[in-house]
């Protein structure tokens, strides 16, 4: 289904304090609970790859996309209220991107297939909501506001019958962006 290359590894280093100070933890894959490695995390460096970081263990809570770069005080930069508690490496994807979005839960209502970024589903498809989707190829970010702003949710290949059941109750996703190989 997907042509995902795993030969390119990601690497992210988390630091307890701002400005890359204090104890550190280096991560090169998914980590469901960072609390056993460090009690807090306030800065990080992404040396390669792309990662989603979460403010709760087990890939829950608010999500933030991080690409290669230095984040000396990511909490104030991103408006985070809490520390990073888990992270997920986003695998490289080469090939086409395909996602089908649905107006209602359980793949109901109007549906539209995307193969490219969509900065505003209301303007492009005349739908006011997106409550479920099926990701056939590639990795995507969905945003609660148009123009790729607001809360985001990472979507990898699979079926997502209800965003409400995923802890995103009341969130309407209004724009979608492909995660391309620009992460490395």
C-alpha atoms as a PDB file:
ATOM      1  CA  UNK A   1       0.000   0.000   0.000  1.00  0.00           C
ATOM      2  CA  UNK A   2       2.717   2.448   0.930  1.00  0.00           C
ATOM      3  CA  UNK A   3       6.258   2.929  -0.298  1.00  0.00           C
ATOM      4  CA  UNK A   4       7.810   4.020   2.984  1.00  0.00           C
ATOM      5  CA  UNK A   5      11.590   3.978   3.133  1.00  0.00           C
ATOM      6  CA  UNK A   6      13.039   3.265   6.550  1.00  0.00           C
ATOM      7  CA  UNK A   7      16.692   3.642   5.507  1.00  0.00           C
ATOM      8  CA  UNK A   8      16.790   7.272   6.640  1.00  0.00           C
ATOM      9  CA  UNK A   9      16.707   7.405  10.433  1.00  0.00           C
ATOM     10  CA  UNK A  10      15.575  10.296  12.514  1.00  0.00           C
ATOM     11  CA  UNK A  11      17.341  11.630  15.567  1.00  0.00           C
ATOM     12  CA  UNK A  12      16.037  13.995  18.217  1.00  0.00           C
ATOM     13  CA  UNK A  13      17.675  14.978  21.513  1.00  0.00           C
ATOM     14  CA  UNK A  14      15.577  16.266  24.395  1.00  0.00           C
ATOM     15  CA  UNK A  15      16.952  18.431  27.219  1.00  0.00           C
ATOM     16  CA  UNK A  16      15.494  19.037  30.675  1.00  0.00           C
ATOM     17  CA  UNK A  17      16.106  22.774  30.609  1.00  0.00           C
ATOM     18  CA  UNK A  18      15.816  25.623  28.104  1.00  0.00           C
ATOM     19  CA  UNK A  19      18.774  26.329  25.806  1.00  0.00           C
ATOM     20  CA  UNK A  20      19.888  22.668  25.656  1.00  0.00           C
ATOM     21  CA  UNK A  21      20.893  22.518  29.310  1.00  0.00           C
ATOM     22  CA  UNK A  22      20.496  19.797  31.920  1.00  0.00           C
ATOM     23  CA  UNK A  23      20.187  16.072  31.403  1.00  0.00           C
ATOM     24  CA  UNK A  24      19.472  14.905  27.881  1.00  0.00           C
ATOM     25  CA  UNK A  25      17.787  11.961  26.208  1.00  0.00           C
ATOM     26  CA  UNK A  26      18.554  10.957  22.608  1.00  0.00           C
ATOM     27  CA  UNK A  27      15.800   9.254  20.645  1.00  0.00           C
ATOM     28  CA  UNK A  28      15.956   7.628  17.213  1.00  0.00           C
ATOM     29  CA  UNK A  29      12.486   6.051  17.094  1.00  0.00           C
ATOM     30  CA  UNK A  30       9.132   6.122  18.880  1.00  0.00           C
ATOM     31  CA  UNK A  31       9.020   6.628  22.644  1.00  0.00           C
ATOM     32  CA  UNK A  32       5.611   6.119  24.297  1.00  0.00           C
ATOM     33  CA  UNK A  33       6.632   7.464  27.706  1.00  0.00           C
ATOM     34  CA  UNK A  34       9.651   9.680  28.267  1.00  0.00           C
ATOM     35  CA  UNK A  35       9.017  10.141  31.999  1.00  0.00           C
ATOM     36  CA  UNK A  36      11.248   7.161  32.815  1.00  0.00           C
ATOM     37  CA  UNK A  37      14.173   8.948  31.081  1.00  0.00           C
ATOM     38  CA  UNK A  38      13.624  12.522  32.260  1.00  0.00           C
ATOM     39  CA  UNK A  39      11.236  14.315  34.588  1.00  0.00           C
ATOM     40  CA  UNK A  40      10.781  17.322  32.308  1.00  0.00           C
ATOM     41  CA  UNK A  41      11.784  18.538  28.874  1.00  0.00           C
ATOM     42  CA  UNK A  42      12.015  22.167  27.797  1.00  0.00           C
ATOM     43  CA  UNK A  43      14.261  22.203  24.708  1.00  0.00           C
ATOM     44  CA  UNK A  44      15.271  19.840  21.915  1.00  0.00           C
ATOM     45  CA  UNK A  45      17.348  19.443  18.764  1.00  0.00           C
ATOM     46  CA  UNK A  46      16.112  17.541  15.734  1.00  0.00           C
ATOM     47  CA  UNK A  47      19.271  16.425  13.949  1.00  0.00           C
ATOM     48  CA  UNK A  48      17.513  14.465  11.197  1.00  0.00           C
ATOM     49  CA  UNK A  49      14.044  13.358  10.227  1.00  0.00           C
ATOM     50  CA  UNK A  50      10.684  14.606  11.439  1.00  0.00           C
ATOM     51  CA  UNK A  51       8.914  13.860  14.704  1.00  0.00           C
ATOM     52  CA  UNK A  52       5.542  14.402  16.303  1.00  0.00           C
ATOM     53  CA  UNK A  53       5.845  15.233  19.987  1.00  0.00           C
ATOM     54  CA  UNK A  54       2.977  14.929  22.456  1.00  0.00           C
ATOM     55  CA  UNK A  55       2.332  16.537  25.825  1.00  0.00           C
ATOM     56  CA  UNK A  56       0.953  13.266  27.235  1.00  0.00           C
ATOM     57  CA  UNK A  57       2.360   9.705  27.357  1.00  0.00           C
ATOM     58  CA  UNK A  58       1.265   7.122  24.769  1.00  0.00           C
ATOM     59  CA  UNK A  59       1.031   9.646  21.915  1.00  0.00           C
ATOM     60  CA  UNK A  60      -1.926  11.444  23.465  1.00  0.00           C
ATOM     61  CA  UNK A  61      -2.770  15.077  24.118  1.00  0.00           C
ATOM     62  CA  UNK A  62      -1.673  18.043  22.060  1.00  0.00           C
ATOM     63  CA  UNK A  63       0.584  17.233  19.131  1.00  0.00           C
ATOM     64  CA  UNK A  64       3.409  19.289  17.657  1.00  0.00           C
ATOM     65  CA  UNK A  65       5.313  18.688  14.429  1.00  0.00           C
ATOM     66  CA  UNK A  66       9.082  19.103  14.593  1.00  0.00           C
ATOM     67  CA  UNK A  67      11.512  19.033  11.686  1.00  0.00           C
ATOM     68  CA  UNK A  68      15.281  19.418  11.644  1.00  0.00           C
ATOM     69  CA  UNK A  69      16.310  22.402  13.735  1.00  0.00           C
ATOM     70  CA  UNK A  70      16.975  23.696  17.225  1.00  0.00           C
ATOM     71  CA  UNK A  71      14.201  24.487  19.658  1.00  0.00           C
ATOM     72  CA  UNK A  72      15.887  26.288  22.579  1.00  0.00           C
ATOM     73  CA  UNK A  73      12.586  27.061  24.310  1.00  0.00           C
ATOM     74  CA  UNK A  74       9.914  25.230  22.379  1.00  0.00           C
ATOM     75  CA  UNK A  75       7.310  25.702  25.106  1.00  0.00           C
ATOM     76  CA  UNK A  76       7.052  29.452  24.556  1.00  0.00           C
ATOM     77  CA  UNK A  77       7.595  29.131  20.774  1.00  0.00           C
ATOM     78  CA  UNK A  78       4.693  26.731  20.336  1.00  0.00           C
ATOM     79  CA  UNK A  79       2.508  27.857  23.194  1.00  0.00           C
ATOM     80  CA  UNK A  80       2.836  24.515  24.952  1.00  0.00           C
ATOM     81  CA  UNK A  81       1.611  24.450  28.529  1.00  0.00           C
ATOM     82  CA  UNK A  82       3.170  21.118  29.385  1.00  0.00           C
ATOM     83  CA  UNK A  83       6.345  19.183  28.790  1.00  0.00           C
ATOM     84  CA  UNK A  84       6.893  16.657  26.033  1.00  0.00           C
ATOM     85  CA  UNK A  85       5.911  13.223  27.355  1.00  0.00           C
ATOM     86  CA  UNK A  86       6.099  11.048  24.206  1.00  0.00           C
ATOM     87  CA  UNK A  87       7.353  11.275  20.634  1.00  0.00           C
ATOM     88  CA  UNK A  88       6.853   9.447  17.363  1.00  0.00           C
ATOM     89  CA  UNK A  89       9.285   9.392  14.455  1.00  0.00           C
ATOM     90  CA  UNK A  90       7.610  10.005  11.112  1.00  0.00           C
ATOM     91  CA  UNK A  91       9.007   7.579   8.531  1.00  0.00           C
ATOM     92  CA  UNK A  92      10.158   8.873   5.167  1.00  0.00           C
ATOM     93  CA  UNK A  93       7.652   8.376   2.376  1.00  0.00           C
ATOM     94  CA  UNK A  94       8.513   8.331  -1.307  1.00  0.00           C
ATOM     95  CA  UNK A  95       5.674   7.994  -3.733  1.00  0.00           C
ATOM     96  CA  UNK A  96       2.178   9.315  -4.062  1.00  0.00           C
ATOM     97  CA  UNK A  97       0.020  10.717  -1.296  1.00  0.00           C
ATOM     98  CA  UNK A  98      -3.661   9.811  -1.040  1.00  0.00           C
ATOM     99  CA  UNK A  99      -6.226  10.493   1.634  1.00  0.00           C
ATOM    100  CA  UNK A 100     -10.008  10.441   1.530  1.00  0.00           C
ATOM    101  CA  UNK A 101     -11.810  12.776   3.914  1.00  0.00           C
ATOM    102  CA  UNK A 102     -15.440  12.431   5.017  1.00  0.00           C
ATOM    103  CA  UNK A 103     -17.831  15.035   6.288  1.00  0.00           C
ATOM    104  CA  UNK A 104     -19.189  12.800   9.076  1.00  0.00           C
ATOM    105  CA  UNK A 105     -18.017   9.997  11.352  1.00  0.00           C
ATOM    106  CA  UNK A 106     -17.861   6.398  10.076  1.00  0.00           C
ATOM    107  CA  UNK A 107     -17.092   7.591   6.543  1.00  0.00           C
ATOM    108  CA  UNK A 108     -20.471   9.270   6.159  1.00  0.00           C
ATOM    109  CA  UNK A 109     -21.574  12.341   4.243  1.00  0.00           C
ATOM    110  CA  UNK A 110     -19.691  13.928   1.395  1.00  0.00           C
ATOM    111  CA  UNK A 111     -16.259  12.525   0.646  1.00  0.00           C
ATOM    112  CA  UNK A 112     -13.294  13.928  -1.240  1.00  0.00           C
ATOM    113  CA  UNK A 113      -9.976  12.395  -2.200  1.00  0.00           C
ATOM    114  CA  UNK A 114      -6.825  14.441  -1.685  1.00  0.00           C
ATOM    115  CA  UNK A 115      -3.484  13.848  -3.319  1.00  0.00           C
ATOM    116  CA  UNK A 116      -2.039  17.257  -2.499  1.00  0.00           C
ATOM    117  CA  UNK A 117      -2.160  19.809   0.316  1.00  0.00           C
ATOM    118  CA  UNK A 118      -5.483  21.530   0.983  1.00  0.00           C
ATOM    119  CA  UNK A 119      -5.318  24.898   2.747  1.00  0.00           C
ATOM    120  CA  UNK A 120      -9.090  25.218   3.196  1.00  0.00           C
ATOM    121  CA  UNK A 121     -11.618  22.369   2.806  1.00  0.00           C
ATOM    122  CA  UNK A 122     -14.522  24.828   2.999  1.00  0.00           C
ATOM    123  CA  UNK A 123     -13.293  26.842   0.025  1.00  0.00           C
ATOM    124  CA  UNK A 124     -12.165  23.865  -2.054  1.00  0.00           C
ATOM    125  CA  UNK A 125     -14.933  21.319  -1.398  1.00  0.00           C
ATOM    126  CA  UNK A 126     -17.765  23.364   0.158  1.00  0.00           C
ATOM    127  CA  UNK A 127     -17.894  21.187   3.275  1.00  0.00           C
ATOM    128  CA  UNK A 128     -17.922  22.668   6.756  1.00  0.00           C
ATOM    129  CA  UNK A 129     -16.528  19.691   8.604  1.00  0.00           C
ATOM    130  CA  UNK A 130     -14.273  16.649   8.375  1.00  0.00           C
ATOM    131  CA  UNK A 131     -14.965  13.967  11.007  1.00  0.00           C
ATOM    132  CA  UNK A 132     -13.346  10.816   9.559  1.00  0.00           C
ATOM    133  CA  UNK A 133     -10.778   9.838   6.946  1.00  0.00           C
ATOM    134  CA  UNK A 134      -8.883   7.027   5.311  1.00  0.00           C
ATOM    135  CA  UNK A 135      -5.194   7.518   4.595  1.00  0.00           C
ATOM    136  CA  UNK A 136      -4.169   5.262   1.720  1.00  0.00           C
ATOM    137  CA  UNK A 137      -0.656   6.574   1.028  1.00  0.00           C
ATOM    138  CA  UNK A 138       1.790   8.853   2.803  1.00  0.00           C
ATOM    139  CA  UNK A 139       1.728  10.696   6.096  1.00  0.00           C
ATOM    140  CA  UNK A 140      -0.419  13.786   6.668  1.00  0.00           C
ATOM    141  CA  UNK A 141      -1.005  16.580   9.165  1.00  0.00           C
ATOM    142  CA  UNK A 142      -4.567  17.763   9.699  1.00  0.00           C
ATOM    143  CA  UNK A 143      -5.166  21.234  11.189  1.00  0.00           C
ATOM    144  CA  UNK A 144      -8.216  22.600  12.985  1.00  0.00           C
ATOM    145  CA  UNK A 145      -8.038  25.900  11.085  1.00  0.00           C
ATOM    146  CA  UNK A 146      -7.584  26.850   7.458  1.00  0.00           C
ATOM    147  CA  UNK A 147      -4.111  27.800   6.240  1.00  0.00           C
ATOM    148  CA  UNK A 148      -2.455  25.052   8.361  1.00  0.00           C
ATOM    149  CA  UNK A 149      -3.010  26.701  11.743  1.00  0.00           C
ATOM    150  CA  UNK A 150      -4.284  25.634  15.139  1.00  0.00           C
ATOM    151  CA  UNK A 151      -4.220  22.217  16.742  1.00  0.00           C
ATOM    152  CA  UNK A 152      -2.892  19.466  14.550  1.00  0.00           C
ATOM    153  CA  UNK A 153      -3.194  15.707  14.290  1.00  0.00           C
ATOM    154  CA  UNK A 154      -0.713  13.318  12.664  1.00  0.00           C
ATOM    155  CA  UNK A 155      -2.305  10.772  10.330  1.00  0.00           C
ATOM    156  CA  UNK A 156      -0.411   7.738   9.067  1.00  0.00           C
ATOM    157  CA  UNK A 157      -1.844   5.118   6.688  1.00  0.00           C
ATOM    158  CA  UNK A 158      -5.021   3.606   8.114  1.00  0.00           C
ATOM    159  CA  UNK A 159      -8.710   4.214   8.700  1.00  0.00           C
ATOM    160  CA  UNK A 160      -9.912   6.812  11.172  1.00  0.00           C
ATOM    161  CA  UNK A 161     -13.656   6.325  11.736  1.00  0.00           C
ATOM    162  CA  UNK A 162     -14.155   9.011  14.374  1.00  0.00           C
ATOM    163  CA  UNK A 163     -11.895  11.862  15.397  1.00  0.00           C
ATOM    164  CA  UNK A 164     -14.123  12.289  18.478  1.00  0.00           C
ATOM    165  CA  UNK A 165     -13.233   8.756  19.606  1.00  0.00           C
ATOM    166  CA  UNK A 166      -9.559   9.673  19.187  1.00  0.00           C
ATOM    167  CA  UNK A 167      -9.871  12.394  21.819  1.00  0.00           C
ATOM    168  CA  UNK A 168     -10.488  15.214  19.365  1.00  0.00           C
ATOM    169  CA  UNK A 169     -14.093  15.885  20.359  1.00  0.00           C
ATOM    170  CA  UNK A 170     -15.314  19.215  19.077  1.00  0.00           C
ATOM    171  CA  UNK A 171     -12.303  19.676  16.799  1.00  0.00           C
ATOM    172  CA  UNK A 172     -13.080  20.411  13.164  1.00  0.00           C
ATOM    173  CA  UNK A 173     -10.255  19.858  10.728  1.00  0.00           C
ATOM    174  CA  UNK A 174     -10.167  22.502   8.025  1.00  0.00           C
ATOM    175  CA  UNK A 175      -6.794  22.001   6.267  1.00  0.00           C
ATOM    176  CA  UNK A 176      -4.490  19.096   5.447  1.00  0.00           C
ATOM    177  CA  UNK A 177      -0.806  18.964   4.515  1.00  0.00           C
ATOM    178  CA  UNK A 178       1.382  16.117   3.264  1.00  0.00           C
ATOM    179  CA  UNK A 179       4.554  15.371   5.226  1.00  0.00           C
ATOM    180  CA  UNK A 180       7.114  15.281   2.446  1.00  0.00           C
ATOM    181  CA  UNK A 181      10.789  14.348   2.334  1.00  0.00           C
ATOM    182  CA  UNK A 182      11.742  17.906   3.265  1.00  0.00           C
ATOM    183  CA  UNK A 183      12.289  16.596   6.795  1.00  0.00           C
ATOM    184  CA  UNK A 184      15.887  15.586   6.076  1.00  0.00           C
END
